[in-house]
N, C-alpha and C. Protein backbone atom coordinates (compact mmCIF):
# COMPACT_ATOMS: atom_id res chain seq x y z
N GLN A 1 63.36 67.38 151.31
CA GLN A 1 63.31 65.71 151.97
C GLN A 1 62.84 66.12 153.34
N VAL A 2 61.86 65.20 153.92
CA VAL A 2 61.15 65.56 155.28
C VAL A 2 61.97 64.38 156.27
N GLN A 3 62.11 65.03 157.27
CA GLN A 3 62.81 63.93 158.43
C GLN A 3 61.87 63.83 159.46
N PHE A 4 61.75 62.96 160.48
CA PHE A 4 61.14 62.88 161.52
C PHE A 4 61.76 62.50 162.60
N VAL A 5 61.27 62.96 163.75
CA VAL A 5 61.99 62.53 165.09
C VAL A 5 61.07 62.30 166.09
N GLU A 6 60.75 60.74 166.36
CA GLU A 6 59.83 60.55 167.13
C GLU A 6 60.58 60.49 168.72
N SER A 7 59.35 60.81 169.74
CA SER A 7 59.87 60.77 171.28
C SER A 7 58.66 60.39 171.97
N GLY A 8 59.09 60.37 173.24
CA GLY A 8 57.84 60.04 174.30
C GLY A 8 57.64 58.67 174.74
N GLY A 9 58.21 57.57 174.05
CA GLY A 9 57.95 56.25 174.44
C GLY A 9 58.80 55.92 175.92
N GLY A 10 58.47 54.73 176.29
CA GLY A 10 58.95 54.39 177.55
C GLY A 10 58.45 53.01 178.08
N LEU A 11 58.81 52.63 179.29
CA LEU A 11 57.99 51.75 179.95
C LEU A 11 57.04 52.01 180.80
N VAL A 12 55.68 51.42 180.58
CA VAL A 12 54.42 51.72 181.31
C VAL A 12 53.71 50.39 181.64
N GLN A 13 53.21 50.46 182.72
CA GLN A 13 52.27 49.31 183.28
C GLN A 13 50.98 49.09 182.41
N PRO A 14 50.42 47.75 182.28
CA PRO A 14 49.24 47.68 181.85
C PRO A 14 48.21 48.59 182.26
N GLY A 15 47.50 49.51 181.31
CA GLY A 15 46.43 50.27 181.69
C GLY A 15 47.00 51.63 182.06
N GLY A 16 48.27 51.89 181.77
CA GLY A 16 48.75 53.21 181.81
C GLY A 16 48.70 53.84 180.44
N SER A 17 49.18 55.01 180.75
CA SER A 17 49.18 56.01 179.35
C SER A 17 50.58 56.56 178.94
N LEU A 18 50.64 56.92 177.69
CA LEU A 18 51.82 57.70 177.00
C LEU A 18 51.23 58.49 176.00
N ARG A 19 52.19 59.62 175.74
CA ARG A 19 51.72 60.38 174.83
C ARG A 19 53.09 60.54 173.86
N LEU A 20 53.01 60.19 172.59
CA LEU A 20 54.09 60.36 171.57
C LEU A 20 54.01 61.52 171.00
N SER A 21 55.25 62.18 170.71
CA SER A 21 55.34 63.01 169.77
C SER A 21 56.35 62.86 168.32
N CYS A 22 55.97 63.61 167.38
CA CYS A 22 56.79 63.37 166.28
C CYS A 22 57.11 64.86 165.61
N LEU A 23 58.29 65.07 165.69
CA LEU A 23 58.52 66.41 164.84
C LEU A 23 59.05 66.26 163.71
N ALA A 24 58.73 67.09 162.69
CA ALA A 24 59.09 67.11 161.47
C ALA A 24 59.79 68.21 160.88
N SER A 25 60.55 68.01 160.11
CA SER A 25 61.49 69.12 159.60
C SER A 25 60.85 69.63 158.07
N GLY A 26 60.98 70.69 157.69
CA GLY A 26 60.63 71.28 156.39
C GLY A 26 59.36 71.80 156.49
N SER A 27 58.83 72.40 155.43
CA SER A 27 57.48 73.22 155.57
C SER A 27 56.21 72.51 154.75
N ILE A 28 56.52 71.18 154.56
CA ILE A 28 55.32 70.53 153.86
C ILE A 28 54.47 70.16 154.99
N PHE A 29 55.03 69.97 156.10
CA PHE A 29 54.20 68.91 157.08
C PHE A 29 52.70 69.30 157.07
N ARG A 30 52.13 70.63 156.69
CA ARG A 30 50.79 71.08 157.15
C ARG A 30 50.05 70.66 155.88
N PHE A 31 50.71 70.38 154.85
CA PHE A 31 49.93 69.96 153.72
C PHE A 31 49.95 68.56 153.56
N VAL A 32 50.23 67.77 154.31
CA VAL A 32 50.19 66.19 154.07
C VAL A 32 49.47 65.47 155.30
N SER A 33 48.72 64.29 154.85
CA SER A 33 48.33 63.75 155.81
C SER A 33 49.20 62.84 156.51
N MET A 34 49.25 62.33 157.76
CA MET A 34 50.19 61.83 158.41
C MET A 34 49.66 60.45 159.26
N GLY A 35 50.63 59.72 159.87
CA GLY A 35 50.13 58.53 160.29
C GLY A 35 51.11 58.01 161.20
N TRP A 36 50.64 57.25 162.46
CA TRP A 36 51.62 56.56 163.20
C TRP A 36 51.61 55.11 162.87
N TYR A 37 52.75 54.36 163.04
CA TYR A 37 53.02 53.15 162.63
C TYR A 37 53.68 52.54 163.76
N ARG A 38 53.43 51.20 163.87
CA ARG A 38 54.18 50.41 164.69
C ARG A 38 54.73 49.04 164.41
N GLN A 39 55.92 48.55 164.99
CA GLN A 39 56.65 47.45 164.56
C GLN A 39 56.87 46.66 166.06
N ALA A 40 56.13 45.58 165.90
CA ALA A 40 56.59 44.80 167.24
C ALA A 40 57.78 43.70 166.93
N PRO A 41 58.37 42.86 167.67
CA PRO A 41 59.49 42.22 167.45
C PRO A 41 58.99 41.01 166.46
N GLY A 42 59.55 40.82 165.49
CA GLY A 42 59.24 39.43 164.79
C GLY A 42 57.93 39.54 163.68
N LYS A 43 57.57 41.04 163.98
CA LYS A 43 56.38 41.21 163.11
C LYS A 43 56.46 42.52 162.06
N GLN A 44 55.66 42.62 161.06
CA GLN A 44 55.71 43.54 159.96
C GLN A 44 55.27 44.82 160.76
N ARG A 45 55.89 45.95 160.16
CA ARG A 45 55.15 47.32 160.44
C ARG A 45 53.83 47.42 160.23
N GLU A 46 52.99 48.02 161.12
CA GLU A 46 51.47 48.07 160.83
C GLU A 46 51.06 49.75 161.09
N LEU A 47 50.34 49.92 160.48
CA LEU A 47 49.49 51.30 160.68
C LEU A 47 48.22 51.36 161.76
N VAL A 48 48.77 52.22 162.53
CA VAL A 48 48.14 52.45 163.92
C VAL A 48 47.03 53.44 163.66
N ALA A 49 47.12 54.67 162.95
CA ALA A 49 46.32 55.69 163.02
C ALA A 49 46.83 56.64 161.96
N THR A 50 45.88 57.19 161.56
CA THR A 50 46.10 58.38 160.45
C THR A 50 45.23 59.67 160.71
N ILE A 51 45.68 60.80 160.13
CA ILE A 51 44.92 62.01 160.52
C ILE A 51 45.26 62.90 159.05
N SER A 52 44.20 63.73 158.69
CA SER A 52 44.28 64.43 157.42
C SER A 52 45.15 65.71 157.87
N SER A 53 45.63 66.32 156.69
CA SER A 53 46.39 67.58 156.75
C SER A 53 45.94 68.42 157.66
N ALA A 54 44.75 68.83 157.54
CA ALA A 54 44.20 69.99 158.62
C ALA A 54 43.55 69.25 159.89
N GLY A 55 43.70 68.19 159.90
CA GLY A 55 43.31 67.59 161.18
C GLY A 55 41.77 67.04 161.48
N GLY A 56 41.06 67.33 160.36
CA GLY A 56 39.57 67.08 160.52
C GLY A 56 38.97 65.57 160.14
N SER A 57 39.92 64.76 159.85
CA SER A 57 39.77 63.17 159.46
C SER A 57 40.66 62.44 160.30
N THR A 58 40.14 61.35 160.67
CA THR A 58 41.12 60.42 161.60
C THR A 58 40.66 58.85 161.37
N TYR A 59 41.59 58.31 161.32
CA TYR A 59 41.52 56.71 161.04
C TYR A 59 42.04 55.84 162.35
N TYR A 60 41.60 54.83 162.63
CA TYR A 60 42.27 53.85 163.55
C TYR A 60 42.08 52.65 163.33
N ALA A 61 43.02 51.92 163.55
CA ALA A 61 43.13 50.28 163.65
C ALA A 61 42.19 49.77 164.40
N ASP A 62 41.58 49.09 164.45
CA ASP A 62 40.34 48.26 165.15
C ASP A 62 41.18 48.11 166.62
N SER A 63 42.29 47.60 166.42
CA SER A 63 43.15 47.13 167.83
C SER A 63 43.54 48.30 168.75
N VAL A 64 43.25 49.43 168.25
CA VAL A 64 43.57 50.52 169.12
C VAL A 64 42.28 51.69 169.49
N LYS A 65 41.50 51.45 168.52
CA LYS A 65 40.10 52.20 168.48
C LYS A 65 39.63 52.52 169.86
N GLY A 66 39.24 53.56 170.26
CA GLY A 66 38.60 54.08 171.61
C GLY A 66 39.72 54.07 172.68
N ARG A 67 41.14 53.87 172.23
CA ARG A 67 42.08 53.86 173.28
C ARG A 67 43.13 55.03 173.08
N PHE A 68 43.26 55.13 171.55
CA PHE A 68 44.38 55.95 171.13
C PHE A 68 43.77 57.43 170.38
N THR A 69 44.62 58.25 170.48
CA THR A 69 44.03 59.62 169.86
C THR A 69 44.95 60.10 169.28
N ILE A 70 45.19 60.33 167.81
CA ILE A 70 45.84 60.98 167.12
C ILE A 70 45.67 62.53 166.77
N SER A 71 46.30 63.47 166.80
CA SER A 71 46.13 64.87 166.72
C SER A 71 47.65 65.44 166.04
N ARG A 72 47.35 66.84 165.63
CA ARG A 72 48.44 67.19 165.17
C ARG A 72 48.60 68.98 165.46
N ASP A 73 49.84 69.38 165.29
CA ASP A 73 49.80 70.87 165.67
C ASP A 73 50.72 71.43 164.32
N ASN A 74 50.02 71.80 163.21
CA ASN A 74 50.73 72.23 162.27
C ASN A 74 51.75 73.27 162.25
N ALA A 75 51.31 74.36 163.32
CA ALA A 75 52.13 75.52 163.70
C ALA A 75 53.61 74.80 163.97
N LYS A 76 53.47 73.87 164.86
CA LYS A 76 54.98 73.30 165.42
C LYS A 76 55.12 72.08 164.65
N ASN A 77 54.82 71.67 163.73
CA ASN A 77 55.19 70.65 162.50
C ASN A 77 55.12 69.52 163.61
N THR A 78 54.35 69.24 164.36
CA THR A 78 54.31 68.19 165.34
C THR A 78 52.82 67.22 165.32
N LEU A 79 53.28 65.94 165.32
CA LEU A 79 52.34 65.09 165.30
C LEU A 79 52.25 64.52 166.52
N TYR A 80 51.12 64.03 167.09
CA TYR A 80 50.84 63.35 168.38
C TYR A 80 50.07 62.07 168.44
N LEU A 81 50.41 61.15 169.35
CA LEU A 81 49.44 60.15 169.76
C LEU A 81 49.47 59.71 171.12
N GLN A 82 48.02 60.06 171.64
CA GLN A 82 47.94 59.87 172.99
C GLN A 82 47.42 58.35 173.24
N MET A 83 48.01 57.80 174.02
CA MET A 83 47.68 56.34 174.08
C MET A 83 47.31 55.95 175.63
N ASN A 84 46.07 55.45 175.72
CA ASN A 84 45.63 55.27 177.10
C ASN A 84 45.20 53.83 177.24
N SER A 85 44.86 53.46 178.25
CA SER A 85 44.51 51.94 178.31
C SER A 85 45.67 51.11 177.86
N LEU A 86 46.80 51.03 177.80
CA LEU A 86 47.91 50.61 177.29
C LEU A 86 47.67 48.98 177.54
N LYS A 87 48.10 48.10 176.75
CA LYS A 87 47.99 46.66 176.87
C LYS A 87 49.29 46.00 176.21
N PRO A 88 49.69 44.85 176.97
CA PRO A 88 51.13 44.33 176.74
C PRO A 88 51.22 44.07 175.19
N GLU A 89 50.32 43.89 174.39
CA GLU A 89 50.17 43.67 172.78
C GLU A 89 50.44 45.27 172.20
N ASP A 90 50.53 46.30 172.96
CA ASP A 90 50.93 47.45 172.34
C ASP A 90 52.33 47.88 172.35
N THR A 91 53.15 46.83 172.93
CA THR A 91 54.53 46.85 173.19
C THR A 91 55.15 47.09 171.27
N ALA A 92 55.97 48.05 171.12
CA ALA A 92 56.69 47.97 169.76
C ALA A 92 57.39 49.17 169.79
N VAL A 93 58.05 49.46 168.68
CA VAL A 93 58.64 50.56 168.33
C VAL A 93 57.74 51.70 167.27
N TYR A 94 57.21 52.78 167.69
CA TYR A 94 56.44 53.47 167.16
C TYR A 94 57.09 54.42 166.09
N TYR A 95 56.61 54.50 164.77
CA TYR A 95 56.87 55.60 163.85
C TYR A 95 56.04 56.50 163.46
N CYS A 96 56.22 57.58 162.94
CA CYS A 96 55.52 58.37 162.30
C CYS A 96 56.01 58.67 160.64
N ASN A 97 55.28 58.84 159.95
CA ASN A 97 55.21 58.90 158.52
C ASN A 97 54.09 59.32 157.78
N SER A 98 54.09 59.87 156.59
CA SER A 98 52.88 60.16 155.65
C SER A 98 52.40 58.95 154.91
N PRO A 99 51.16 58.58 154.96
CA PRO A 99 50.61 57.34 154.32
C PRO A 99 50.32 57.74 152.80
N THR A 100 50.38 58.86 152.59
CA THR A 100 50.35 59.14 151.05
C THR A 100 51.69 59.65 150.44
N ASN A 101 52.42 60.05 151.23
CA ASN A 101 53.85 60.36 150.66
C ASN A 101 55.13 59.94 151.47
N SER A 102 55.19 58.58 151.15
CA SER A 102 56.18 57.87 151.86
C SER A 102 57.67 58.44 151.93
N TYR A 103 58.20 59.07 153.19
CA TYR A 103 59.12 59.46 153.20
C TYR A 103 60.17 58.62 153.95
N SER A 104 61.45 59.15 154.31
CA SER A 104 62.39 58.07 155.15
C SER A 104 61.64 57.90 156.49
N TRP A 105 62.13 56.65 156.95
CA TRP A 105 61.68 56.37 158.31
C TRP A 105 62.64 57.04 159.40
N GLY A 106 62.12 57.56 160.60
CA GLY A 106 62.85 57.92 161.49
C GLY A 106 63.39 56.94 162.33
N GLN A 107 63.93 57.22 163.59
CA GLN A 107 64.52 55.88 164.41
C GLN A 107 63.45 55.24 165.24
N GLY A 108 62.12 55.72 165.52
CA GLY A 108 60.95 55.62 166.32
C GLY A 108 61.28 55.62 167.63
N THR A 109 60.13 55.46 168.30
CA THR A 109 60.43 55.44 169.93
C THR A 109 59.85 54.07 170.34
N GLN A 110 60.57 53.72 171.34
CA GLN A 110 60.04 52.25 171.94
C GLN A 110 58.91 52.51 172.93
N VAL A 111 58.03 51.65 173.03
CA VAL A 111 57.01 51.63 173.92
C VAL A 111 56.92 50.18 174.49
N THR A 112 57.11 49.94 175.76
CA THR A 112 56.89 48.91 176.35
C THR A 112 56.07 48.74 177.40
N VAL A 113 55.05 47.93 177.34
CA VAL A 113 53.81 47.55 178.13
C VAL A 113 53.87 46.60 178.73
N SER A 114 54.26 46.59 180.37
CA SER A 114 54.78 45.19 181.13
C SER A 114 54.59 45.71 182.63
N SER A 115 54.17 44.68 183.23
CA SER A 115 54.39 44.78 184.70
C SER A 115 55.49 44.32 185.41
């Protein structure tokens, strides 16, 4: 079983930046596509971005396209999300998981964008 530990969230002003990290346990990380998801209060969890196993293919939700960048380091079993030009509507708990192999969800990391 794979477990995920998300980190890097915090409070940031509109227009600011944050870099999220997701450390995965186990040895299968490098073989599976990965994604970042977020859940805002009172809303359903939504997919933000995905990346293929080798990192050559990415997908972004329209709401974050051009502002967020997903990347991975398979040698470190780590997934990243660089978030720039943050907006208040980006406020949510951010999670990582595989969109093709649903594993248990981690605790997530809180991102709050507010002045």
